[in-house]
């Protein structure tokens, strides 16, 4: 049996107000492993097919139908359940960066062949989890799985296509970069045997959370500027994830899926992701570019109507939602889904349903750009008589998370991206070939740095992040003045909180690390304090050598911490 090294990490509060530790508490980086950068590994077409023969495979086998018409017919078949009112311009904006579509056409080739289950992985935050939306089948991940199985059903003996949703509340790109080995291990147990241990498509949804500061070294708040102090760390995390996935899964398509919030002043990581996507030639699907130009146009139109409540009169409801006569949707001011709607509260989970839908007026109010004049509360009788509140159909219970309709549109955009890649190849408009990794990094100092940053050996979390959870438990006898606490209603983000305002609370965690004379360990302690002015605390990391029992501690690292985020503790 191999020997193990023991390290003990202790926290002692010294502050006036209790200190809260949420999310990931301890993460360990193996820094001795060295990888080589192999360009050739990503340039081989495993099928051996030429570009022209691949196009021929996608073209319909009919001599009686015009080729372009047949390609368009197949696209329409695949997108026939698209949300009514989504226009060609909307869809064009959704493809923010086409990137190299070779791997996307490979996904469609696998679906068309119907010889094995296709697997899509969704990695993201609470948006991808479908926070606040009911039923679960309304989430875009589940809708995408249903679409694959409806349009490309498999023989019962082959099983069914799957979407594996590994999203987690508050997760951002840096959280994923630290847990790539966890993800690989977890997917290895879930992918079908016929997959060759590779998912067919990986969707990365982190734009909103990347500007909240969940798992990186940035002050925890919502960013209102794009290039804030520390934004380079976010770009580096996105590059680590993109490079590592392209290298690990050499046949998997990868795409960013970028969302946005209705808080006008709040920025997202979309611009930073775009730089990485362009450098590595990865497609970017933008829900934000699809829906929010119309959102701001609607806000401006309502402001002309009533700049206090952002309401509209009864006569501005549009027949059939502004669409053709067969539509059974409702919309005011502008056509569906870019206009005002009625609140669809039955799609809001019970915990949030009492609060109802949030109106355009509320979104403007929470953006903090207009002060004093707004009157948004119908419960307080502030809505003028004879006028209607404007509820944005693709938002519901808050300004961040899409409604059930928003999830439907997100699914539509992913389907459009896949189907249009196939249509383009079918028509001969493009002959995609496998991408080649760039000769240089984007922001990292070297490819070796990217390899190292993608190879976290052990990650212990207080709360689950992504799919597999290596739980961090304290030594029971060491817990003095701490308790496990979550301040969200659903108890999804628990953490250890010091309860004594006088300080002197303490808690200890023990970690077992493989003993290897050729390896060095760098300990990163990620601690989140929820609010400023909550006092300071001391962290000690003690190395007990190969055997904790009877062995004196070899090294003690001690640091006093006074900040929202502090890392690394070495």
Protein backbone atom coordinates (compact mmCIF):
# COMPACT_ATOMS: atom_id res chain seq x y z
CA UNK A 1 0.00 0.00 0.00
CA UNK A 2 1.41 3.40 -0.86
CA UNK A 3 2.17 5.77 1.96
CA UNK A 4 0.25 8.99 2.21
CA UNK A 5 1.14 12.50 3.16
CA UNK A 6 -1.14 14.25 5.59
CA UNK A 7 -1.93 17.92 5.64
CA UNK A 8 -4.13 19.72 8.06
CA UNK A 9 -5.76 23.02 7.27
CA UNK A 10 -7.13 25.11 10.11
CA UNK A 11 -9.16 28.29 10.19
CA UNK A 12 -9.44 30.59 13.16
CA UNK A 13 -11.65 33.67 13.12
CA UNK A 14 -10.43 36.89 14.75
CA UNK A 15 -13.12 39.29 13.60
CA UNK A 16 -15.87 41.32 15.11
CA UNK A 17 -18.62 39.91 12.88
CA UNK A 18 -18.92 36.20 11.92
CA UNK A 19 -17.08 35.09 8.81
CA UNK A 20 -18.92 32.99 6.23
CA UNK A 21 -17.16 30.40 4.08
CA UNK A 22 -19.22 29.35 1.07
CA UNK A 23 -18.52 27.12 -1.91
CA UNK A 24 -15.14 25.56 -2.54
CA UNK A 25 -12.92 25.62 0.52
CA UNK A 26 -9.78 23.74 -0.47
CA UNK A 27 -8.27 22.86 -3.81
CA UNK A 28 -4.91 21.21 -4.46
CA UNK A 29 -2.78 21.52 -7.57
CA UNK A 30 -0.31 18.87 -8.68
CA UNK A 31 2.46 21.00 -10.14
CA UNK A 32 5.08 18.38 -10.99
CA UNK A 33 3.36 16.77 -13.99
CA UNK A 34 4.59 17.98 -17.37
CA UNK A 35 2.78 17.50 -20.67
CA UNK A 36 4.00 18.02 -24.23
CA UNK A 37 2.09 20.05 -26.78
CA UNK A 38 1.35 17.91 -29.83
CA UNK A 39 -0.17 19.76 -32.76
CA UNK A 40 -0.43 16.66 -34.89
CA UNK A 41 -2.76 14.96 -32.43
CA UNK A 42 -5.62 17.24 -33.41
CA UNK A 43 -5.16 17.34 -37.20
CA UNK A 44 -6.04 13.80 -38.24
CA UNK A 45 -9.48 13.03 -39.70
CA UNK A 46 -10.31 9.71 -38.03
CA UNK A 47 -12.81 8.83 -40.76
CA UNK A 48 -10.19 9.22 -43.50
CA UNK A 49 -12.81 10.98 -45.62
CA UNK A 50 -11.99 13.88 -47.89
CA UNK A 51 -13.94 17.12 -47.59
CA UNK A 52 -15.77 16.42 -50.86
CA UNK A 53 -16.77 12.90 -49.85
CA UNK A 54 -18.10 14.24 -46.54
CA UNK A 55 -20.31 16.70 -48.38
CA UNK A 56 -21.58 13.90 -50.57
CA UNK A 57 -22.47 11.91 -47.46
CA UNK A 58 -24.62 14.79 -46.24
CA UNK A 59 -26.34 15.41 -49.58
CA UNK A 60 -29.78 13.81 -50.11
CA UNK A 61 -29.86 10.73 -52.35
CA UNK A 62 -32.56 11.85 -54.76
CA UNK A 63 -32.24 12.66 -58.44
CA UNK A 64 -35.70 14.21 -58.59
CA UNK A 65 -35.23 17.00 -56.11
CA UNK A 66 -33.10 20.09 -56.53
CA UNK A 67 -30.08 19.78 -54.24
CA UNK A 68 -30.44 23.15 -52.53
CA UNK A 69 -34.16 22.61 -52.04
CA UNK A 70 -33.52 19.21 -50.49
CA UNK A 71 -30.91 20.65 -48.12
CA UNK A 72 -33.34 23.41 -47.10
CA UNK A 73 -36.13 20.86 -46.67
CA UNK A 74 -34.01 18.85 -44.25
CA UNK A 75 -33.13 22.00 -42.30
CA UNK A 76 -36.83 22.89 -42.04
CA UNK A 77 -37.63 19.37 -40.85
CA UNK A 78 -35.12 19.68 -38.06
CA UNK A 79 -36.28 23.14 -36.98
CA UNK A 80 -40.03 22.85 -37.56
CA UNK A 81 -40.79 23.18 -33.84
CA UNK A 82 -38.86 26.44 -33.57
CA UNK A 83 -40.39 29.13 -31.34
CA UNK A 84 -42.85 31.22 -33.40
CA UNK A 85 -41.67 34.76 -34.01
CA UNK A 86 -37.94 33.99 -34.00
CA UNK A 87 -36.80 35.65 -37.22
CA UNK A 88 -34.00 34.97 -39.69
CA UNK A 89 -32.24 38.05 -38.32
CA UNK A 90 -32.52 36.65 -34.78
CA UNK A 91 -30.96 33.38 -35.92
CA UNK A 92 -28.20 35.15 -37.83
CA UNK A 93 -27.28 37.13 -34.70
CA UNK A 94 -27.25 33.93 -32.64
CA UNK A 95 -24.20 32.66 -34.50
CA UNK A 96 -21.85 35.19 -32.96
CA UNK A 97 -18.82 33.25 -34.18
CA UNK A 98 -19.15 30.42 -36.69
CA UNK A 99 -15.77 28.96 -35.86
CA UNK A 100 -14.70 25.66 -37.34
CA UNK A 101 -17.86 23.61 -37.87
CA UNK A 102 -16.20 20.32 -38.74
CA UNK A 103 -16.98 18.79 -35.36
CA UNK A 104 -20.58 20.06 -35.50
CA UNK A 105 -21.10 18.29 -38.83
CA UNK A 106 -19.68 15.16 -37.20
CA UNK A 107 -22.40 15.39 -34.55
CA UNK A 108 -25.04 15.58 -37.27
CA UNK A 109 -23.39 12.72 -39.14
CA UNK A 110 -23.63 10.55 -36.00
CA UNK A 111 -27.28 11.50 -35.49
CA UNK A 112 -28.15 10.78 -39.12
CA UNK A 113 -26.42 7.40 -39.08
CA UNK A 114 -28.52 6.27 -36.07
CA UNK A 115 -25.97 3.60 -35.22
CA UNK A 116 -25.23 4.70 -31.65
CA UNK A 117 -26.48 7.13 -29.00
CA UNK A 118 -25.22 10.70 -29.31
CA UNK A 119 -24.19 12.38 -26.04
CA UNK A 120 -24.16 16.11 -25.36
CA UNK A 121 -22.66 17.58 -22.18
CA UNK A 122 -23.96 20.87 -20.75
CA UNK A 123 -21.58 22.61 -18.34
CA UNK A 124 -22.65 25.90 -16.80
CA UNK A 125 -24.30 27.62 -13.87
CA UNK A 126 -27.83 27.97 -12.54
CA UNK A 127 -29.10 29.11 -15.96
CA UNK A 128 -28.29 25.69 -17.41
CA UNK A 129 -29.73 24.06 -14.29
CA UNK A 130 -33.04 25.74 -15.09
CA UNK A 131 -33.17 27.68 -11.82
CA UNK A 132 -36.76 28.67 -11.05
CA UNK A 133 -38.31 26.81 -14.02
CA UNK A 134 -40.78 23.98 -13.80
CA UNK A 135 -41.17 21.24 -14.95
CA UNK A 136 -37.64 19.92 -15.49
CA UNK A 137 -38.60 19.04 -19.07
CA UNK A 138 -38.82 22.80 -19.76
CA UNK A 139 -35.05 23.28 -19.36
CA UNK A 140 -33.04 23.64 -22.54
CA UNK A 141 -30.89 20.58 -21.78
CA UNK A 142 -33.94 18.33 -21.51
CA UNK A 143 -35.53 19.96 -24.57
CA UNK A 144 -32.38 19.27 -26.57
CA UNK A 145 -32.38 15.63 -25.52
CA UNK A 146 -36.04 15.30 -26.55
CA UNK A 147 -35.29 16.90 -29.91
CA UNK A 148 -32.53 14.38 -30.69
CA UNK A 149 -34.68 11.41 -29.79
CA UNK A 150 -37.73 12.69 -31.67
CA UNK A 151 -35.90 13.61 -34.87
CA UNK A 152 -33.36 10.76 -34.82
CA UNK A 153 -34.95 7.85 -32.92
CA UNK A 154 -32.76 4.82 -32.33
CA UNK A 155 -33.63 1.16 -32.38
CA UNK A 156 -34.62 0.06 -28.84
CA UNK A 157 -31.53 -2.13 -28.58
CA UNK A 158 -29.29 0.94 -29.00
CA UNK A 159 -30.82 3.00 -26.18
CA UNK A 160 -31.41 6.72 -26.64
CA UNK A 161 -29.53 9.97 -27.15
CA UNK A 162 -28.66 11.81 -23.94
CA UNK A 163 -27.80 15.26 -22.64
CA UNK A 164 -25.69 15.09 -19.47
CA UNK A 165 -26.24 18.25 -17.45
CA UNK A 166 -23.27 18.84 -15.13
CA UNK A 167 -24.13 22.47 -14.35
CA UNK A 168 -23.98 23.79 -10.78
CA UNK A 169 -25.24 26.89 -9.00
CA UNK A 170 -22.67 29.67 -9.08
CA UNK A 171 -20.19 27.73 -11.23
CA UNK A 172 -17.96 29.72 -13.55
CA UNK A 173 -15.18 28.93 -16.00
CA UNK A 174 -12.52 29.00 -13.27
CA UNK A 175 -14.51 26.47 -11.25
CA UNK A 176 -14.55 24.18 -14.27
CA UNK A 177 -10.83 24.66 -14.96
CA UNK A 178 -10.02 23.37 -11.46
CA UNK A 179 -12.35 20.38 -11.81
CA UNK A 180 -11.56 19.08 -15.29
CA UNK A 181 -10.11 15.85 -13.90
CA UNK A 182 -13.27 15.41 -11.85
CA UNK A 183 -15.32 15.94 -15.00
CA UNK A 184 -13.27 13.44 -17.02
CA UNK A 185 -13.66 10.81 -14.32
CA UNK A 186 -17.38 11.37 -13.99
CA UNK A 187 -18.07 11.34 -17.72
CA UNK A 188 -16.04 8.17 -18.07
CA UNK A 189 -18.67 6.36 -16.01
CA UNK A 190 -21.65 7.87 -17.84
CA UNK A 191 -20.74 7.85 -21.53
CA UNK A 192 -22.07 4.91 -23.56
CA UNK A 193 -19.53 2.26 -24.59
CA UNK A 194 -20.05 3.16 -28.23
CA UNK A 195 -18.88 6.75 -27.62
CA UNK A 196 -15.16 5.92 -27.57
CA UNK A 197 -15.07 7.74 -24.20
CA UNK A 198 -15.86 11.08 -25.83
CA UNK A 199 -19.04 13.17 -25.75
CA UNK A 200 -20.23 14.36 -29.15
CA UNK A 201 -20.79 17.99 -28.10
CA UNK A 202 -19.84 20.05 -25.04
CA UNK A 203 -21.77 23.28 -24.39
CA UNK A 204 -20.11 25.87 -22.13
CA UNK A 205 -22.53 28.35 -20.49
CA UNK A 206 -20.56 30.64 -18.16
CA UNK A 207 -20.87 34.21 -19.48
CA UNK A 208 -23.08 35.50 -16.65
CA UNK A 209 -21.30 33.80 -13.75
CA UNK A 210 -17.85 34.70 -15.03
CA UNK A 211 -18.61 38.30 -14.08
CA UNK A 212 -19.90 37.46 -10.61
CA UNK A 213 -16.70 36.17 -9.06
CA UNK A 214 -17.72 32.73 -7.81
CA UNK A 215 -14.53 30.67 -7.95
CA UNK A 216 -11.76 33.02 -8.97
CA UNK A 217 -9.64 35.65 -7.27
CA UNK A 218 -11.97 38.57 -7.90
CA UNK A 219 -14.09 40.59 -5.47
CA UNK A 220 -17.53 39.01 -5.38
CA UNK A 221 -19.95 41.35 -7.08
CA UNK A 222 -21.62 41.84 -10.43
CA UNK A 223 -19.24 43.55 -12.82
CA UNK A 224 -20.33 46.82 -14.41
CA UNK A 225 -17.13 47.29 -16.44
CA UNK A 226 -15.65 44.86 -18.94
CA UNK A 227 -11.94 45.32 -18.27
CA UNK A 228 -11.84 45.38 -14.48
CA UNK A 229 -8.77 44.62 -12.41
CA UNK A 230 -8.32 40.87 -12.69
CA UNK A 231 -10.26 40.20 -15.89
CA UNK A 232 -7.15 38.50 -17.30
CA UNK A 233 -7.68 35.66 -14.81
CA UNK A 234 -11.10 34.99 -16.33
CA UNK A 235 -9.70 34.89 -19.85
CA UNK A 236 -7.01 32.47 -18.70
CA UNK A 237 -9.61 30.14 -17.15
CA UNK A 238 -11.61 30.14 -20.40
CA UNK A 239 -8.46 29.35 -22.36
CA UNK A 240 -7.52 26.53 -19.97
CA UNK A 241 -10.94 24.90 -20.36
CA UNK A 242 -11.12 25.32 -24.14
CA UNK A 243 -7.59 24.08 -24.80
CA UNK A 244 -7.90 21.16 -22.37
CA UNK A 245 -11.20 19.94 -23.83
CA UNK A 246 -9.95 20.20 -27.43
CA UNK A 247 -6.86 18.22 -26.49
CA UNK A 248 -8.61 15.62 -24.33
CA UNK A 249 -11.63 15.02 -26.58
CA UNK A 250 -10.21 15.16 -30.08
CA UNK A 251 -13.52 14.35 -31.78
CA UNK A 252 -15.93 16.31 -29.56
CA UNK A 253 -17.53 19.53 -30.78
CA UNK A 254 -17.26 22.43 -28.33
CA UNK A 255 -19.41 25.55 -28.30
CA UNK A 256 -19.90 28.54 -26.04
CA UNK A 257 -23.54 29.41 -25.26
CA UNK A 258 -23.71 33.01 -24.05
CA UNK A 259 -26.57 34.41 -21.95
CA UNK A 260 -27.17 37.88 -20.53
CA UNK A 261 -29.19 39.39 -17.70
CA UNK A 262 -31.88 42.06 -17.80
CA UNK A 263 -29.81 44.27 -15.48
CA UNK A 264 -28.59 46.84 -18.00
CA UNK A 265 -25.48 47.82 -16.05
CA UNK A 266 -24.29 44.27 -15.51
CA UNK A 267 -21.62 42.95 -17.86
CA UNK A 268 -20.88 39.35 -18.80
CA UNK A 269 -17.82 37.39 -19.86
CA UNK A 270 -19.01 37.10 -23.48
CA UNK A 271 -16.40 39.48 -24.89
CA UNK A 272 -13.58 37.66 -23.10
CA UNK A 273 -14.91 34.29 -24.25
CA UNK A 274 -15.04 35.58 -27.83
CA UNK A 275 -11.30 36.21 -27.82
CA UNK A 276 -10.64 32.62 -26.72
CA UNK A 277 -13.21 31.24 -29.18
CA UNK A 278 -11.68 33.08 -32.11
CA UNK A 279 -8.15 32.03 -31.14
CA UNK A 280 -9.13 28.34 -31.00
CA UNK A 281 -11.77 28.57 -33.78
CA UNK A 282 -14.62 27.40 -31.52
CA UNK A 283 -18.27 28.31 -32.37
CA UNK A 284 -20.13 30.80 -30.19
CA UNK A 285 -23.93 30.68 -29.87
CA UNK A 286 -25.33 33.90 -28.44
CA UNK A 287 -28.73 33.88 -26.77
CA UNK A 288 -27.85 37.43 -25.69
CA UNK A 289 -27.43 38.71 -29.26
CA UNK A 290 -30.62 36.94 -30.28
CA UNK A 291 -32.97 38.35 -27.65
CA UNK A 292 -31.57 41.49 -26.06
CA UNK A 293 -31.51 43.93 -29.02
CA UNK A 294 -35.30 43.50 -29.06
CA UNK A 295 -35.41 43.79 -25.27
CA UNK A 296 -33.76 47.24 -25.36
CA UNK A 297 -35.99 48.31 -28.25
CA UNK A 298 -39.03 47.32 -26.20
CA UNK A 299 -37.73 49.22 -23.18
CA UNK A 300 -37.30 52.38 -25.30
CA UNK A 301 -40.81 52.08 -26.75
CA UNK A 302 -42.40 51.62 -23.32
CA UNK A 303 -40.46 54.59 -21.99
CA UNK A 304 -42.12 56.75 -24.63
CA UNK A 305 -45.51 55.43 -23.48
CA UNK A 306 -44.97 55.87 -19.73
CA UNK A 307 -41.52 56.52 -18.28
CA UNK A 308 -42.71 55.92 -14.73
CA UNK A 309 -44.26 52.45 -14.88
CA UNK A 310 -43.22 51.17 -18.33
CA UNK A 311 -46.78 50.02 -18.98
CA UNK A 312 -48.90 50.04 -22.13
CA UNK A 313 -52.61 50.55 -22.95
CA UNK A 314 -55.07 47.80 -23.78
CA UNK A 315 -55.23 48.70 -27.47
CA UNK A 316 -51.59 47.75 -27.96
CA UNK A 317 -52.23 44.05 -27.54
CA UNK A 318 -51.60 42.48 -30.96
CA UNK A 319 -53.93 39.98 -32.61
CA UNK A 320 -52.33 36.51 -32.63
CA UNK A 321 -49.30 37.98 -30.92
CA UNK A 322 -48.42 39.90 -34.07
CA UNK A 323 -47.83 36.66 -36.00
CA UNK A 324 -49.98 34.75 -38.51
CA UNK A 325 -53.55 33.74 -37.76
CA UNK A 326 -52.60 30.20 -36.72
CA UNK A 327 -50.58 31.48 -33.77
CA UNK A 328 -52.09 31.12 -30.33
CA UNK A 329 -49.60 33.33 -28.50
CA UNK A 330 -50.15 36.67 -26.77
CA UNK A 331 -48.02 39.74 -27.21
CA UNK A 332 -48.29 43.49 -26.82
CA UNK A 333 -46.43 46.47 -28.31
CA UNK A 334 -44.15 44.25 -30.46
CA UNK A 335 -44.70 40.81 -31.92
CA UNK A 336 -44.00 37.64 -29.94
CA UNK A 337 -41.54 36.82 -28.38
CA UNK A 338 -40.01 40.33 -28.51
CA UNK A 339 -43.00 42.16 -27.05
CA UNK A 340 -44.87 42.19 -23.75
CA UNK A 341 -46.69 39.12 -22.48
CA UNK A 342 -48.84 38.04 -19.59
CA UNK A 343 -47.19 36.33 -16.64
CA UNK A 344 -46.87 32.55 -17.08
CA UNK A 345 -46.57 31.83 -13.36
CA UNK A 346 -47.33 28.11 -13.73
CA UNK A 347 -43.83 27.66 -15.15
CA UNK A 348 -42.22 29.19 -12.04
CA UNK A 349 -41.29 26.74 -9.28
CA UNK A 350 -43.45 26.91 -6.19
CA UNK A 351 -40.79 28.56 -4.01
CA UNK A 352 -40.74 31.63 -6.27
CA UNK A 353 -44.28 31.60 -7.63
CA UNK A 354 -45.66 33.92 -4.95
CA UNK A 355 -43.38 36.68 -6.19
CA UNK A 356 -44.78 36.26 -9.69
CA UNK A 357 -43.12 37.54 -12.85
CA UNK A 358 -40.90 40.59 -12.82
CA UNK A 359 -41.88 43.43 -15.14
CA UNK A 360 -39.85 45.59 -17.48
CA UNK A 361 -40.24 48.39 -14.94
CA UNK A 362 -38.63 46.21 -12.26
CA UNK A 363 -35.70 45.38 -14.55
CA UNK A 364 -35.12 49.08 -15.22
CA UNK A 365 -35.37 49.83 -11.51
CA UNK A 366 -32.86 47.12 -10.60
CA UNK A 367 -30.44 48.35 -13.24
CA UNK A 368 -29.94 51.44 -11.06
CA UNK A 369 -29.76 53.88 -13.98
CA UNK A 370 -33.02 55.71 -13.18
CA UNK A 371 -33.74 57.01 -9.70
CA UNK A 372 -36.81 58.43 -8.03
CA UNK A 373 -39.51 58.44 -10.66
CA UNK A 374 -40.21 54.72 -11.14
CA UNK A 375 -43.44 53.18 -9.87
CA UNK A 376 -43.33 49.46 -10.55
CA UNK A 377 -45.39 47.76 -7.85
CA UNK A 378 -48.86 46.54 -8.74
CA UNK A 379 -49.24 45.29 -5.14
CA UNK A 380 -48.89 48.88 -3.95
CA UNK A 381 -51.33 50.17 -6.53
CA UNK A 382 -48.69 52.00 -8.55
CA UNK A 383 -49.79 50.75 -11.99
CA UNK A 384 -52.05 53.34 -13.73
CA UNK A 385 -55.64 52.26 -14.27
CA UNK A 386 -56.35 50.84 -17.68
CA UNK A 387 -52.72 50.02 -18.41
CA UNK A 388 -50.90 46.68 -18.50
CA UNK A 389 -47.63 45.68 -16.92
CA UNK A 390 -45.09 44.49 -19.47
CA UNK A 391 -43.76 41.03 -18.68
CA UNK A 392 -40.94 39.93 -20.97
CA UNK A 393 -41.87 36.41 -22.14
CA UNK A 394 -38.34 34.98 -22.07
CA UNK A 395 -37.83 36.11 -18.46
CA UNK A 396 -40.00 35.34 -15.44
CA UNK A 397 -39.19 35.29 -11.73
CA UNK A 398 -35.97 37.33 -11.86
CA UNK A 399 -33.70 39.32 -14.16
CA UNK A 400 -31.09 36.60 -14.58
CA UNK A 401 -32.66 33.23 -15.29
CA UNK A 402 -34.64 32.50 -18.48
CA UNK A 403 -38.27 31.49 -18.31
CA UNK A 404 -39.53 28.23 -19.78
CA UNK A 405 -39.86 30.08 -23.09
CA UNK A 406 -36.30 31.35 -22.75
CA UNK A 407 -35.10 27.76 -22.39
CA UNK A 408 -37.10 26.79 -25.44
CA UNK A 409 -35.38 29.53 -27.43
CA UNK A 410 -31.95 28.43 -26.16
CA UNK A 411 -32.68 24.93 -27.42
CA UNK A 412 -33.79 26.40 -30.75
CA UNK A 413 -30.46 28.20 -31.12
CA UNK A 414 -28.42 25.06 -30.48
CA UNK A 415 -30.57 23.14 -32.97
CA UNK A 416 -30.21 25.95 -35.53
CA UNK A 417 -26.41 25.87 -35.10
CA UNK A 418 -26.29 22.11 -35.72
CA UNK A 419 -28.83 22.08 -38.55
CA UNK A 420 -27.33 25.07 -40.36
CA UNK A 421 -23.84 23.51 -40.19
CA UNK A 422 -25.28 20.42 -41.86
CA UNK A 423 -27.18 22.50 -44.44
CA UNK A 424 -24.08 24.49 -45.33
CA UNK A 425 -22.06 21.33 -45.93
CA UNK A 426 -24.96 19.74 -47.82
CA UNK A 427 -25.10 22.67 -50.26
CA UNK A 428 -21.37 22.67 -50.73
CA UNK A 429 -21.12 26.19 -49.31
CA UNK A 430 -18.38 25.03 -46.98
CA UNK A 431 -16.12 22.01 -46.79
CA UNK A 432 -15.18 21.92 -43.11
CA UNK A 433 -11.96 20.20 -42.17
CA UNK A 434 -10.61 19.41 -38.74
CA UNK A 435 -9.17 22.40 -36.92
CA UNK A 436 -5.50 22.72 -36.02
CA UNK A 437 -4.45 24.08 -32.66
CA UNK A 438 -2.85 27.54 -32.92
CA UNK A 439 0.92 27.88 -32.74
CA UNK A 440 0.72 30.19 -29.73
CA UNK A 441 -1.44 30.56 -26.65
CA UNK A 442 -3.98 33.36 -26.25
CA UNK A 443 -3.14 34.78 -22.80
CA UNK A 444 -1.27 31.94 -21.07
CA UNK A 445 2.51 32.14 -20.94
CA UNK A 446 2.90 28.72 -22.52
CA UNK A 447 1.07 25.55 -23.45
CA UNK A 448 2.81 23.93 -20.48
CA UNK A 449 1.08 26.44 -18.21
CA UNK A 450 -2.29 25.50 -19.74
CA UNK A 451 -1.56 21.80 -19.18
CA UNK A 452 -0.59 22.40 -15.57
CA UNK A 453 -3.58 24.62 -14.78
CA UNK A 454 -5.90 21.97 -16.22
CA UNK A 455 -4.45 19.23 -14.00
CA UNK A 456 -5.74 19.80 -10.47
CA UNK A 457 -5.06 16.59 -8.60
CA UNK A 458 -7.55 16.82 -5.73
CA UNK A 459 -10.50 19.15 -5.22
CA UNK A 460 -12.52 19.09 -2.01
CA UNK A 461 -15.75 21.07 -1.82
CA UNK A 462 -18.21 21.93 0.92
CA UNK A 463 -20.97 22.09 -1.70
CA UNK A 464 -21.34 20.13 -4.93
CA UNK A 465 -19.73 21.71 -7.96
CA UNK A 466 -20.50 19.99 -11.28
CA UNK A 467 -21.30 16.32 -11.36
CA UNK A 468 -19.05 14.46 -8.91
CA UNK A 469 -18.50 15.72 -5.39
CA UNK A 470 -15.46 15.00 -3.21
CA UNK A 471 -16.87 16.32 0.02
CA UNK A 472 -14.77 18.30 2.45
CA UNK A 473 -15.60 17.31 6.01
CA UNK A 474 -14.05 18.87 9.11
CA UNK A 475 -12.51 16.95 11.98
CA UNK A 476 -15.50 16.66 14.31
CA UNK A 477 -13.58 17.52 17.46
CA UNK A 478 -12.13 20.66 15.83
CA UNK A 479 -15.40 22.45 15.12
CA UNK A 480 -15.53 25.23 17.70
CA UNK A 481 -17.88 28.10 16.97
CA UNK A 482 -18.64 27.07 13.35
CA UNK A 483 -21.81 25.65 11.82
CA UNK A 484 -22.85 24.56 8.34
CA UNK A 485 -25.20 27.19 6.97
CA UNK A 486 -26.87 28.23 3.68
CA UNK A 487 -28.57 31.58 3.24
CA UNK A 488 -30.47 30.66 0.05
CA UNK A 489 -33.99 29.29 0.29
CA UNK A 490 -33.18 26.09 -1.56
CA UNK A 491 -30.06 25.40 0.60
CA UNK A 492 -27.95 24.88 -2.52
CA UNK A 493 -24.85 26.85 -1.45
CA UNK A 494 -23.94 25.78 2.09
CA UNK A 495 -20.76 26.81 3.84
CA UNK A 496 -19.14 26.81 7.26
CA UNK A 497 -19.87 30.03 9.13
CA UNK A 498 -18.16 31.34 12.27
CA UNK A 499 -20.90 32.24 14.72
CA UNK A 500 -19.04 34.11 17.46
CA UNK A 501 -18.75 37.92 17.06
CA UNK A 502 -15.89 37.88 19.55
CA UNK A 503 -13.75 35.67 17.32
CA UNK A 504 -11.62 32.62 18.33
CA UNK A 505 -13.82 30.18 16.39
CA UNK A 506 -11.81 27.40 14.76
CA UNK A 507 -12.28 24.49 12.36
CA UNK A 508 -9.83 21.90 10.94
CA UNK A 509 -9.87 19.76 7.80
CA UNK A 510 -7.54 16.81 7.13
CA UNK A 511 -6.45 15.86 3.62
CA UNK A 512 -4.67 12.69 2.52
CA UNK A 513 -2.32 13.21 -0.42
CA UNK A 514 -0.30 10.54 -2.27
CA UNK A 515 3.32 10.55 -1.08
CA UNK A 516 5.58 10.97 -4.10
CA UNK A 517 9.11 12.32 -3.88
CA UNK A 518 8.86 13.46 -7.50
CA UNK A 519 5.75 15.55 -6.91
CA UNK A 520 5.22 18.87 -5.25
CA UNK A 521 1.89 20.11 -4.00
CA UNK A 522 0.65 23.66 -4.00
CA UNK A 523 -2.33 24.16 -1.71
CA UNK A 524 -4.95 26.66 -2.82
CA UNK A 525 -7.49 27.62 -0.19
CA UNK A 526 -10.48 29.37 -1.75
CA UNK A 527 -12.57 31.16 0.88
CA UNK A 528 -15.63 33.27 0.17
CA UNK A 529 -16.72 35.91 2.64
CA UNK A 530 -20.21 37.04 1.78
CA UNK A 531 -19.90 40.67 2.87
CA UNK A 532 -17.25 43.32 3.44
CA UNK A 533 -16.28 44.38 6.93
CA UNK A 534 -16.73 40.95 8.47
CA UNK A 535 -13.42 40.76 10.31
CA UNK A 536 -10.27 38.76 9.63
CA UNK A 537 -9.16 35.20 10.14
CA UNK A 538 -5.98 33.16 10.25
CA UNK A 539 -5.25 30.12 8.09
CA UNK A 540 -2.66 27.49 8.97
CA UNK A 541 -1.63 24.69 6.58
CA UNK A 542 0.44 22.03 8.37
CA UNK A 543 2.39 19.25 6.69
CA UNK A 544 2.42 16.16 8.94
CA UNK A 545 4.66 14.07 6.68
CA UNK A 546 3.91 10.47 5.80
CA UNK A 547 2.06 9.53 8.98
CA UNK A 548 0.05 11.89 11.14
CA UNK A 549 0.06 9.62 14.19
CA UNK A 550 3.20 10.15 16.25
CA UNK A 551 4.81 12.38 13.67
CA UNK A 552 5.68 15.99 14.43
CA UNK A 553 4.45 18.49 11.92
CA UNK A 554 7.11 19.32 9.37
CA UNK A 555 5.94 22.64 7.92
CA UNK A 556 3.39 25.17 9.06
CA UNK A 557 2.27 27.94 6.73
CA UNK A 558 0.36 30.71 8.44
CA UNK A 559 -1.38 33.73 6.94
CA UNK A 560 -3.76 36.41 8.15
CA UNK A 561 -6.56 37.11 5.71
CA UNK A 562 -8.69 40.20 5.33
CA UNK A 563 -10.50 40.25 2.00
CA UNK A 564 -13.42 38.78 0.14
CA UNK A 565 -11.22 36.31 -1.74
CA UNK A 566 -7.78 35.15 -0.66
CA UNK A 567 -5.74 32.57 -2.55
CA UNK A 568 -3.36 30.90 -2.75
CA UNK A 569 -2.34 29.88 0.73
CA UNK A 570 0.90 28.03 0.07
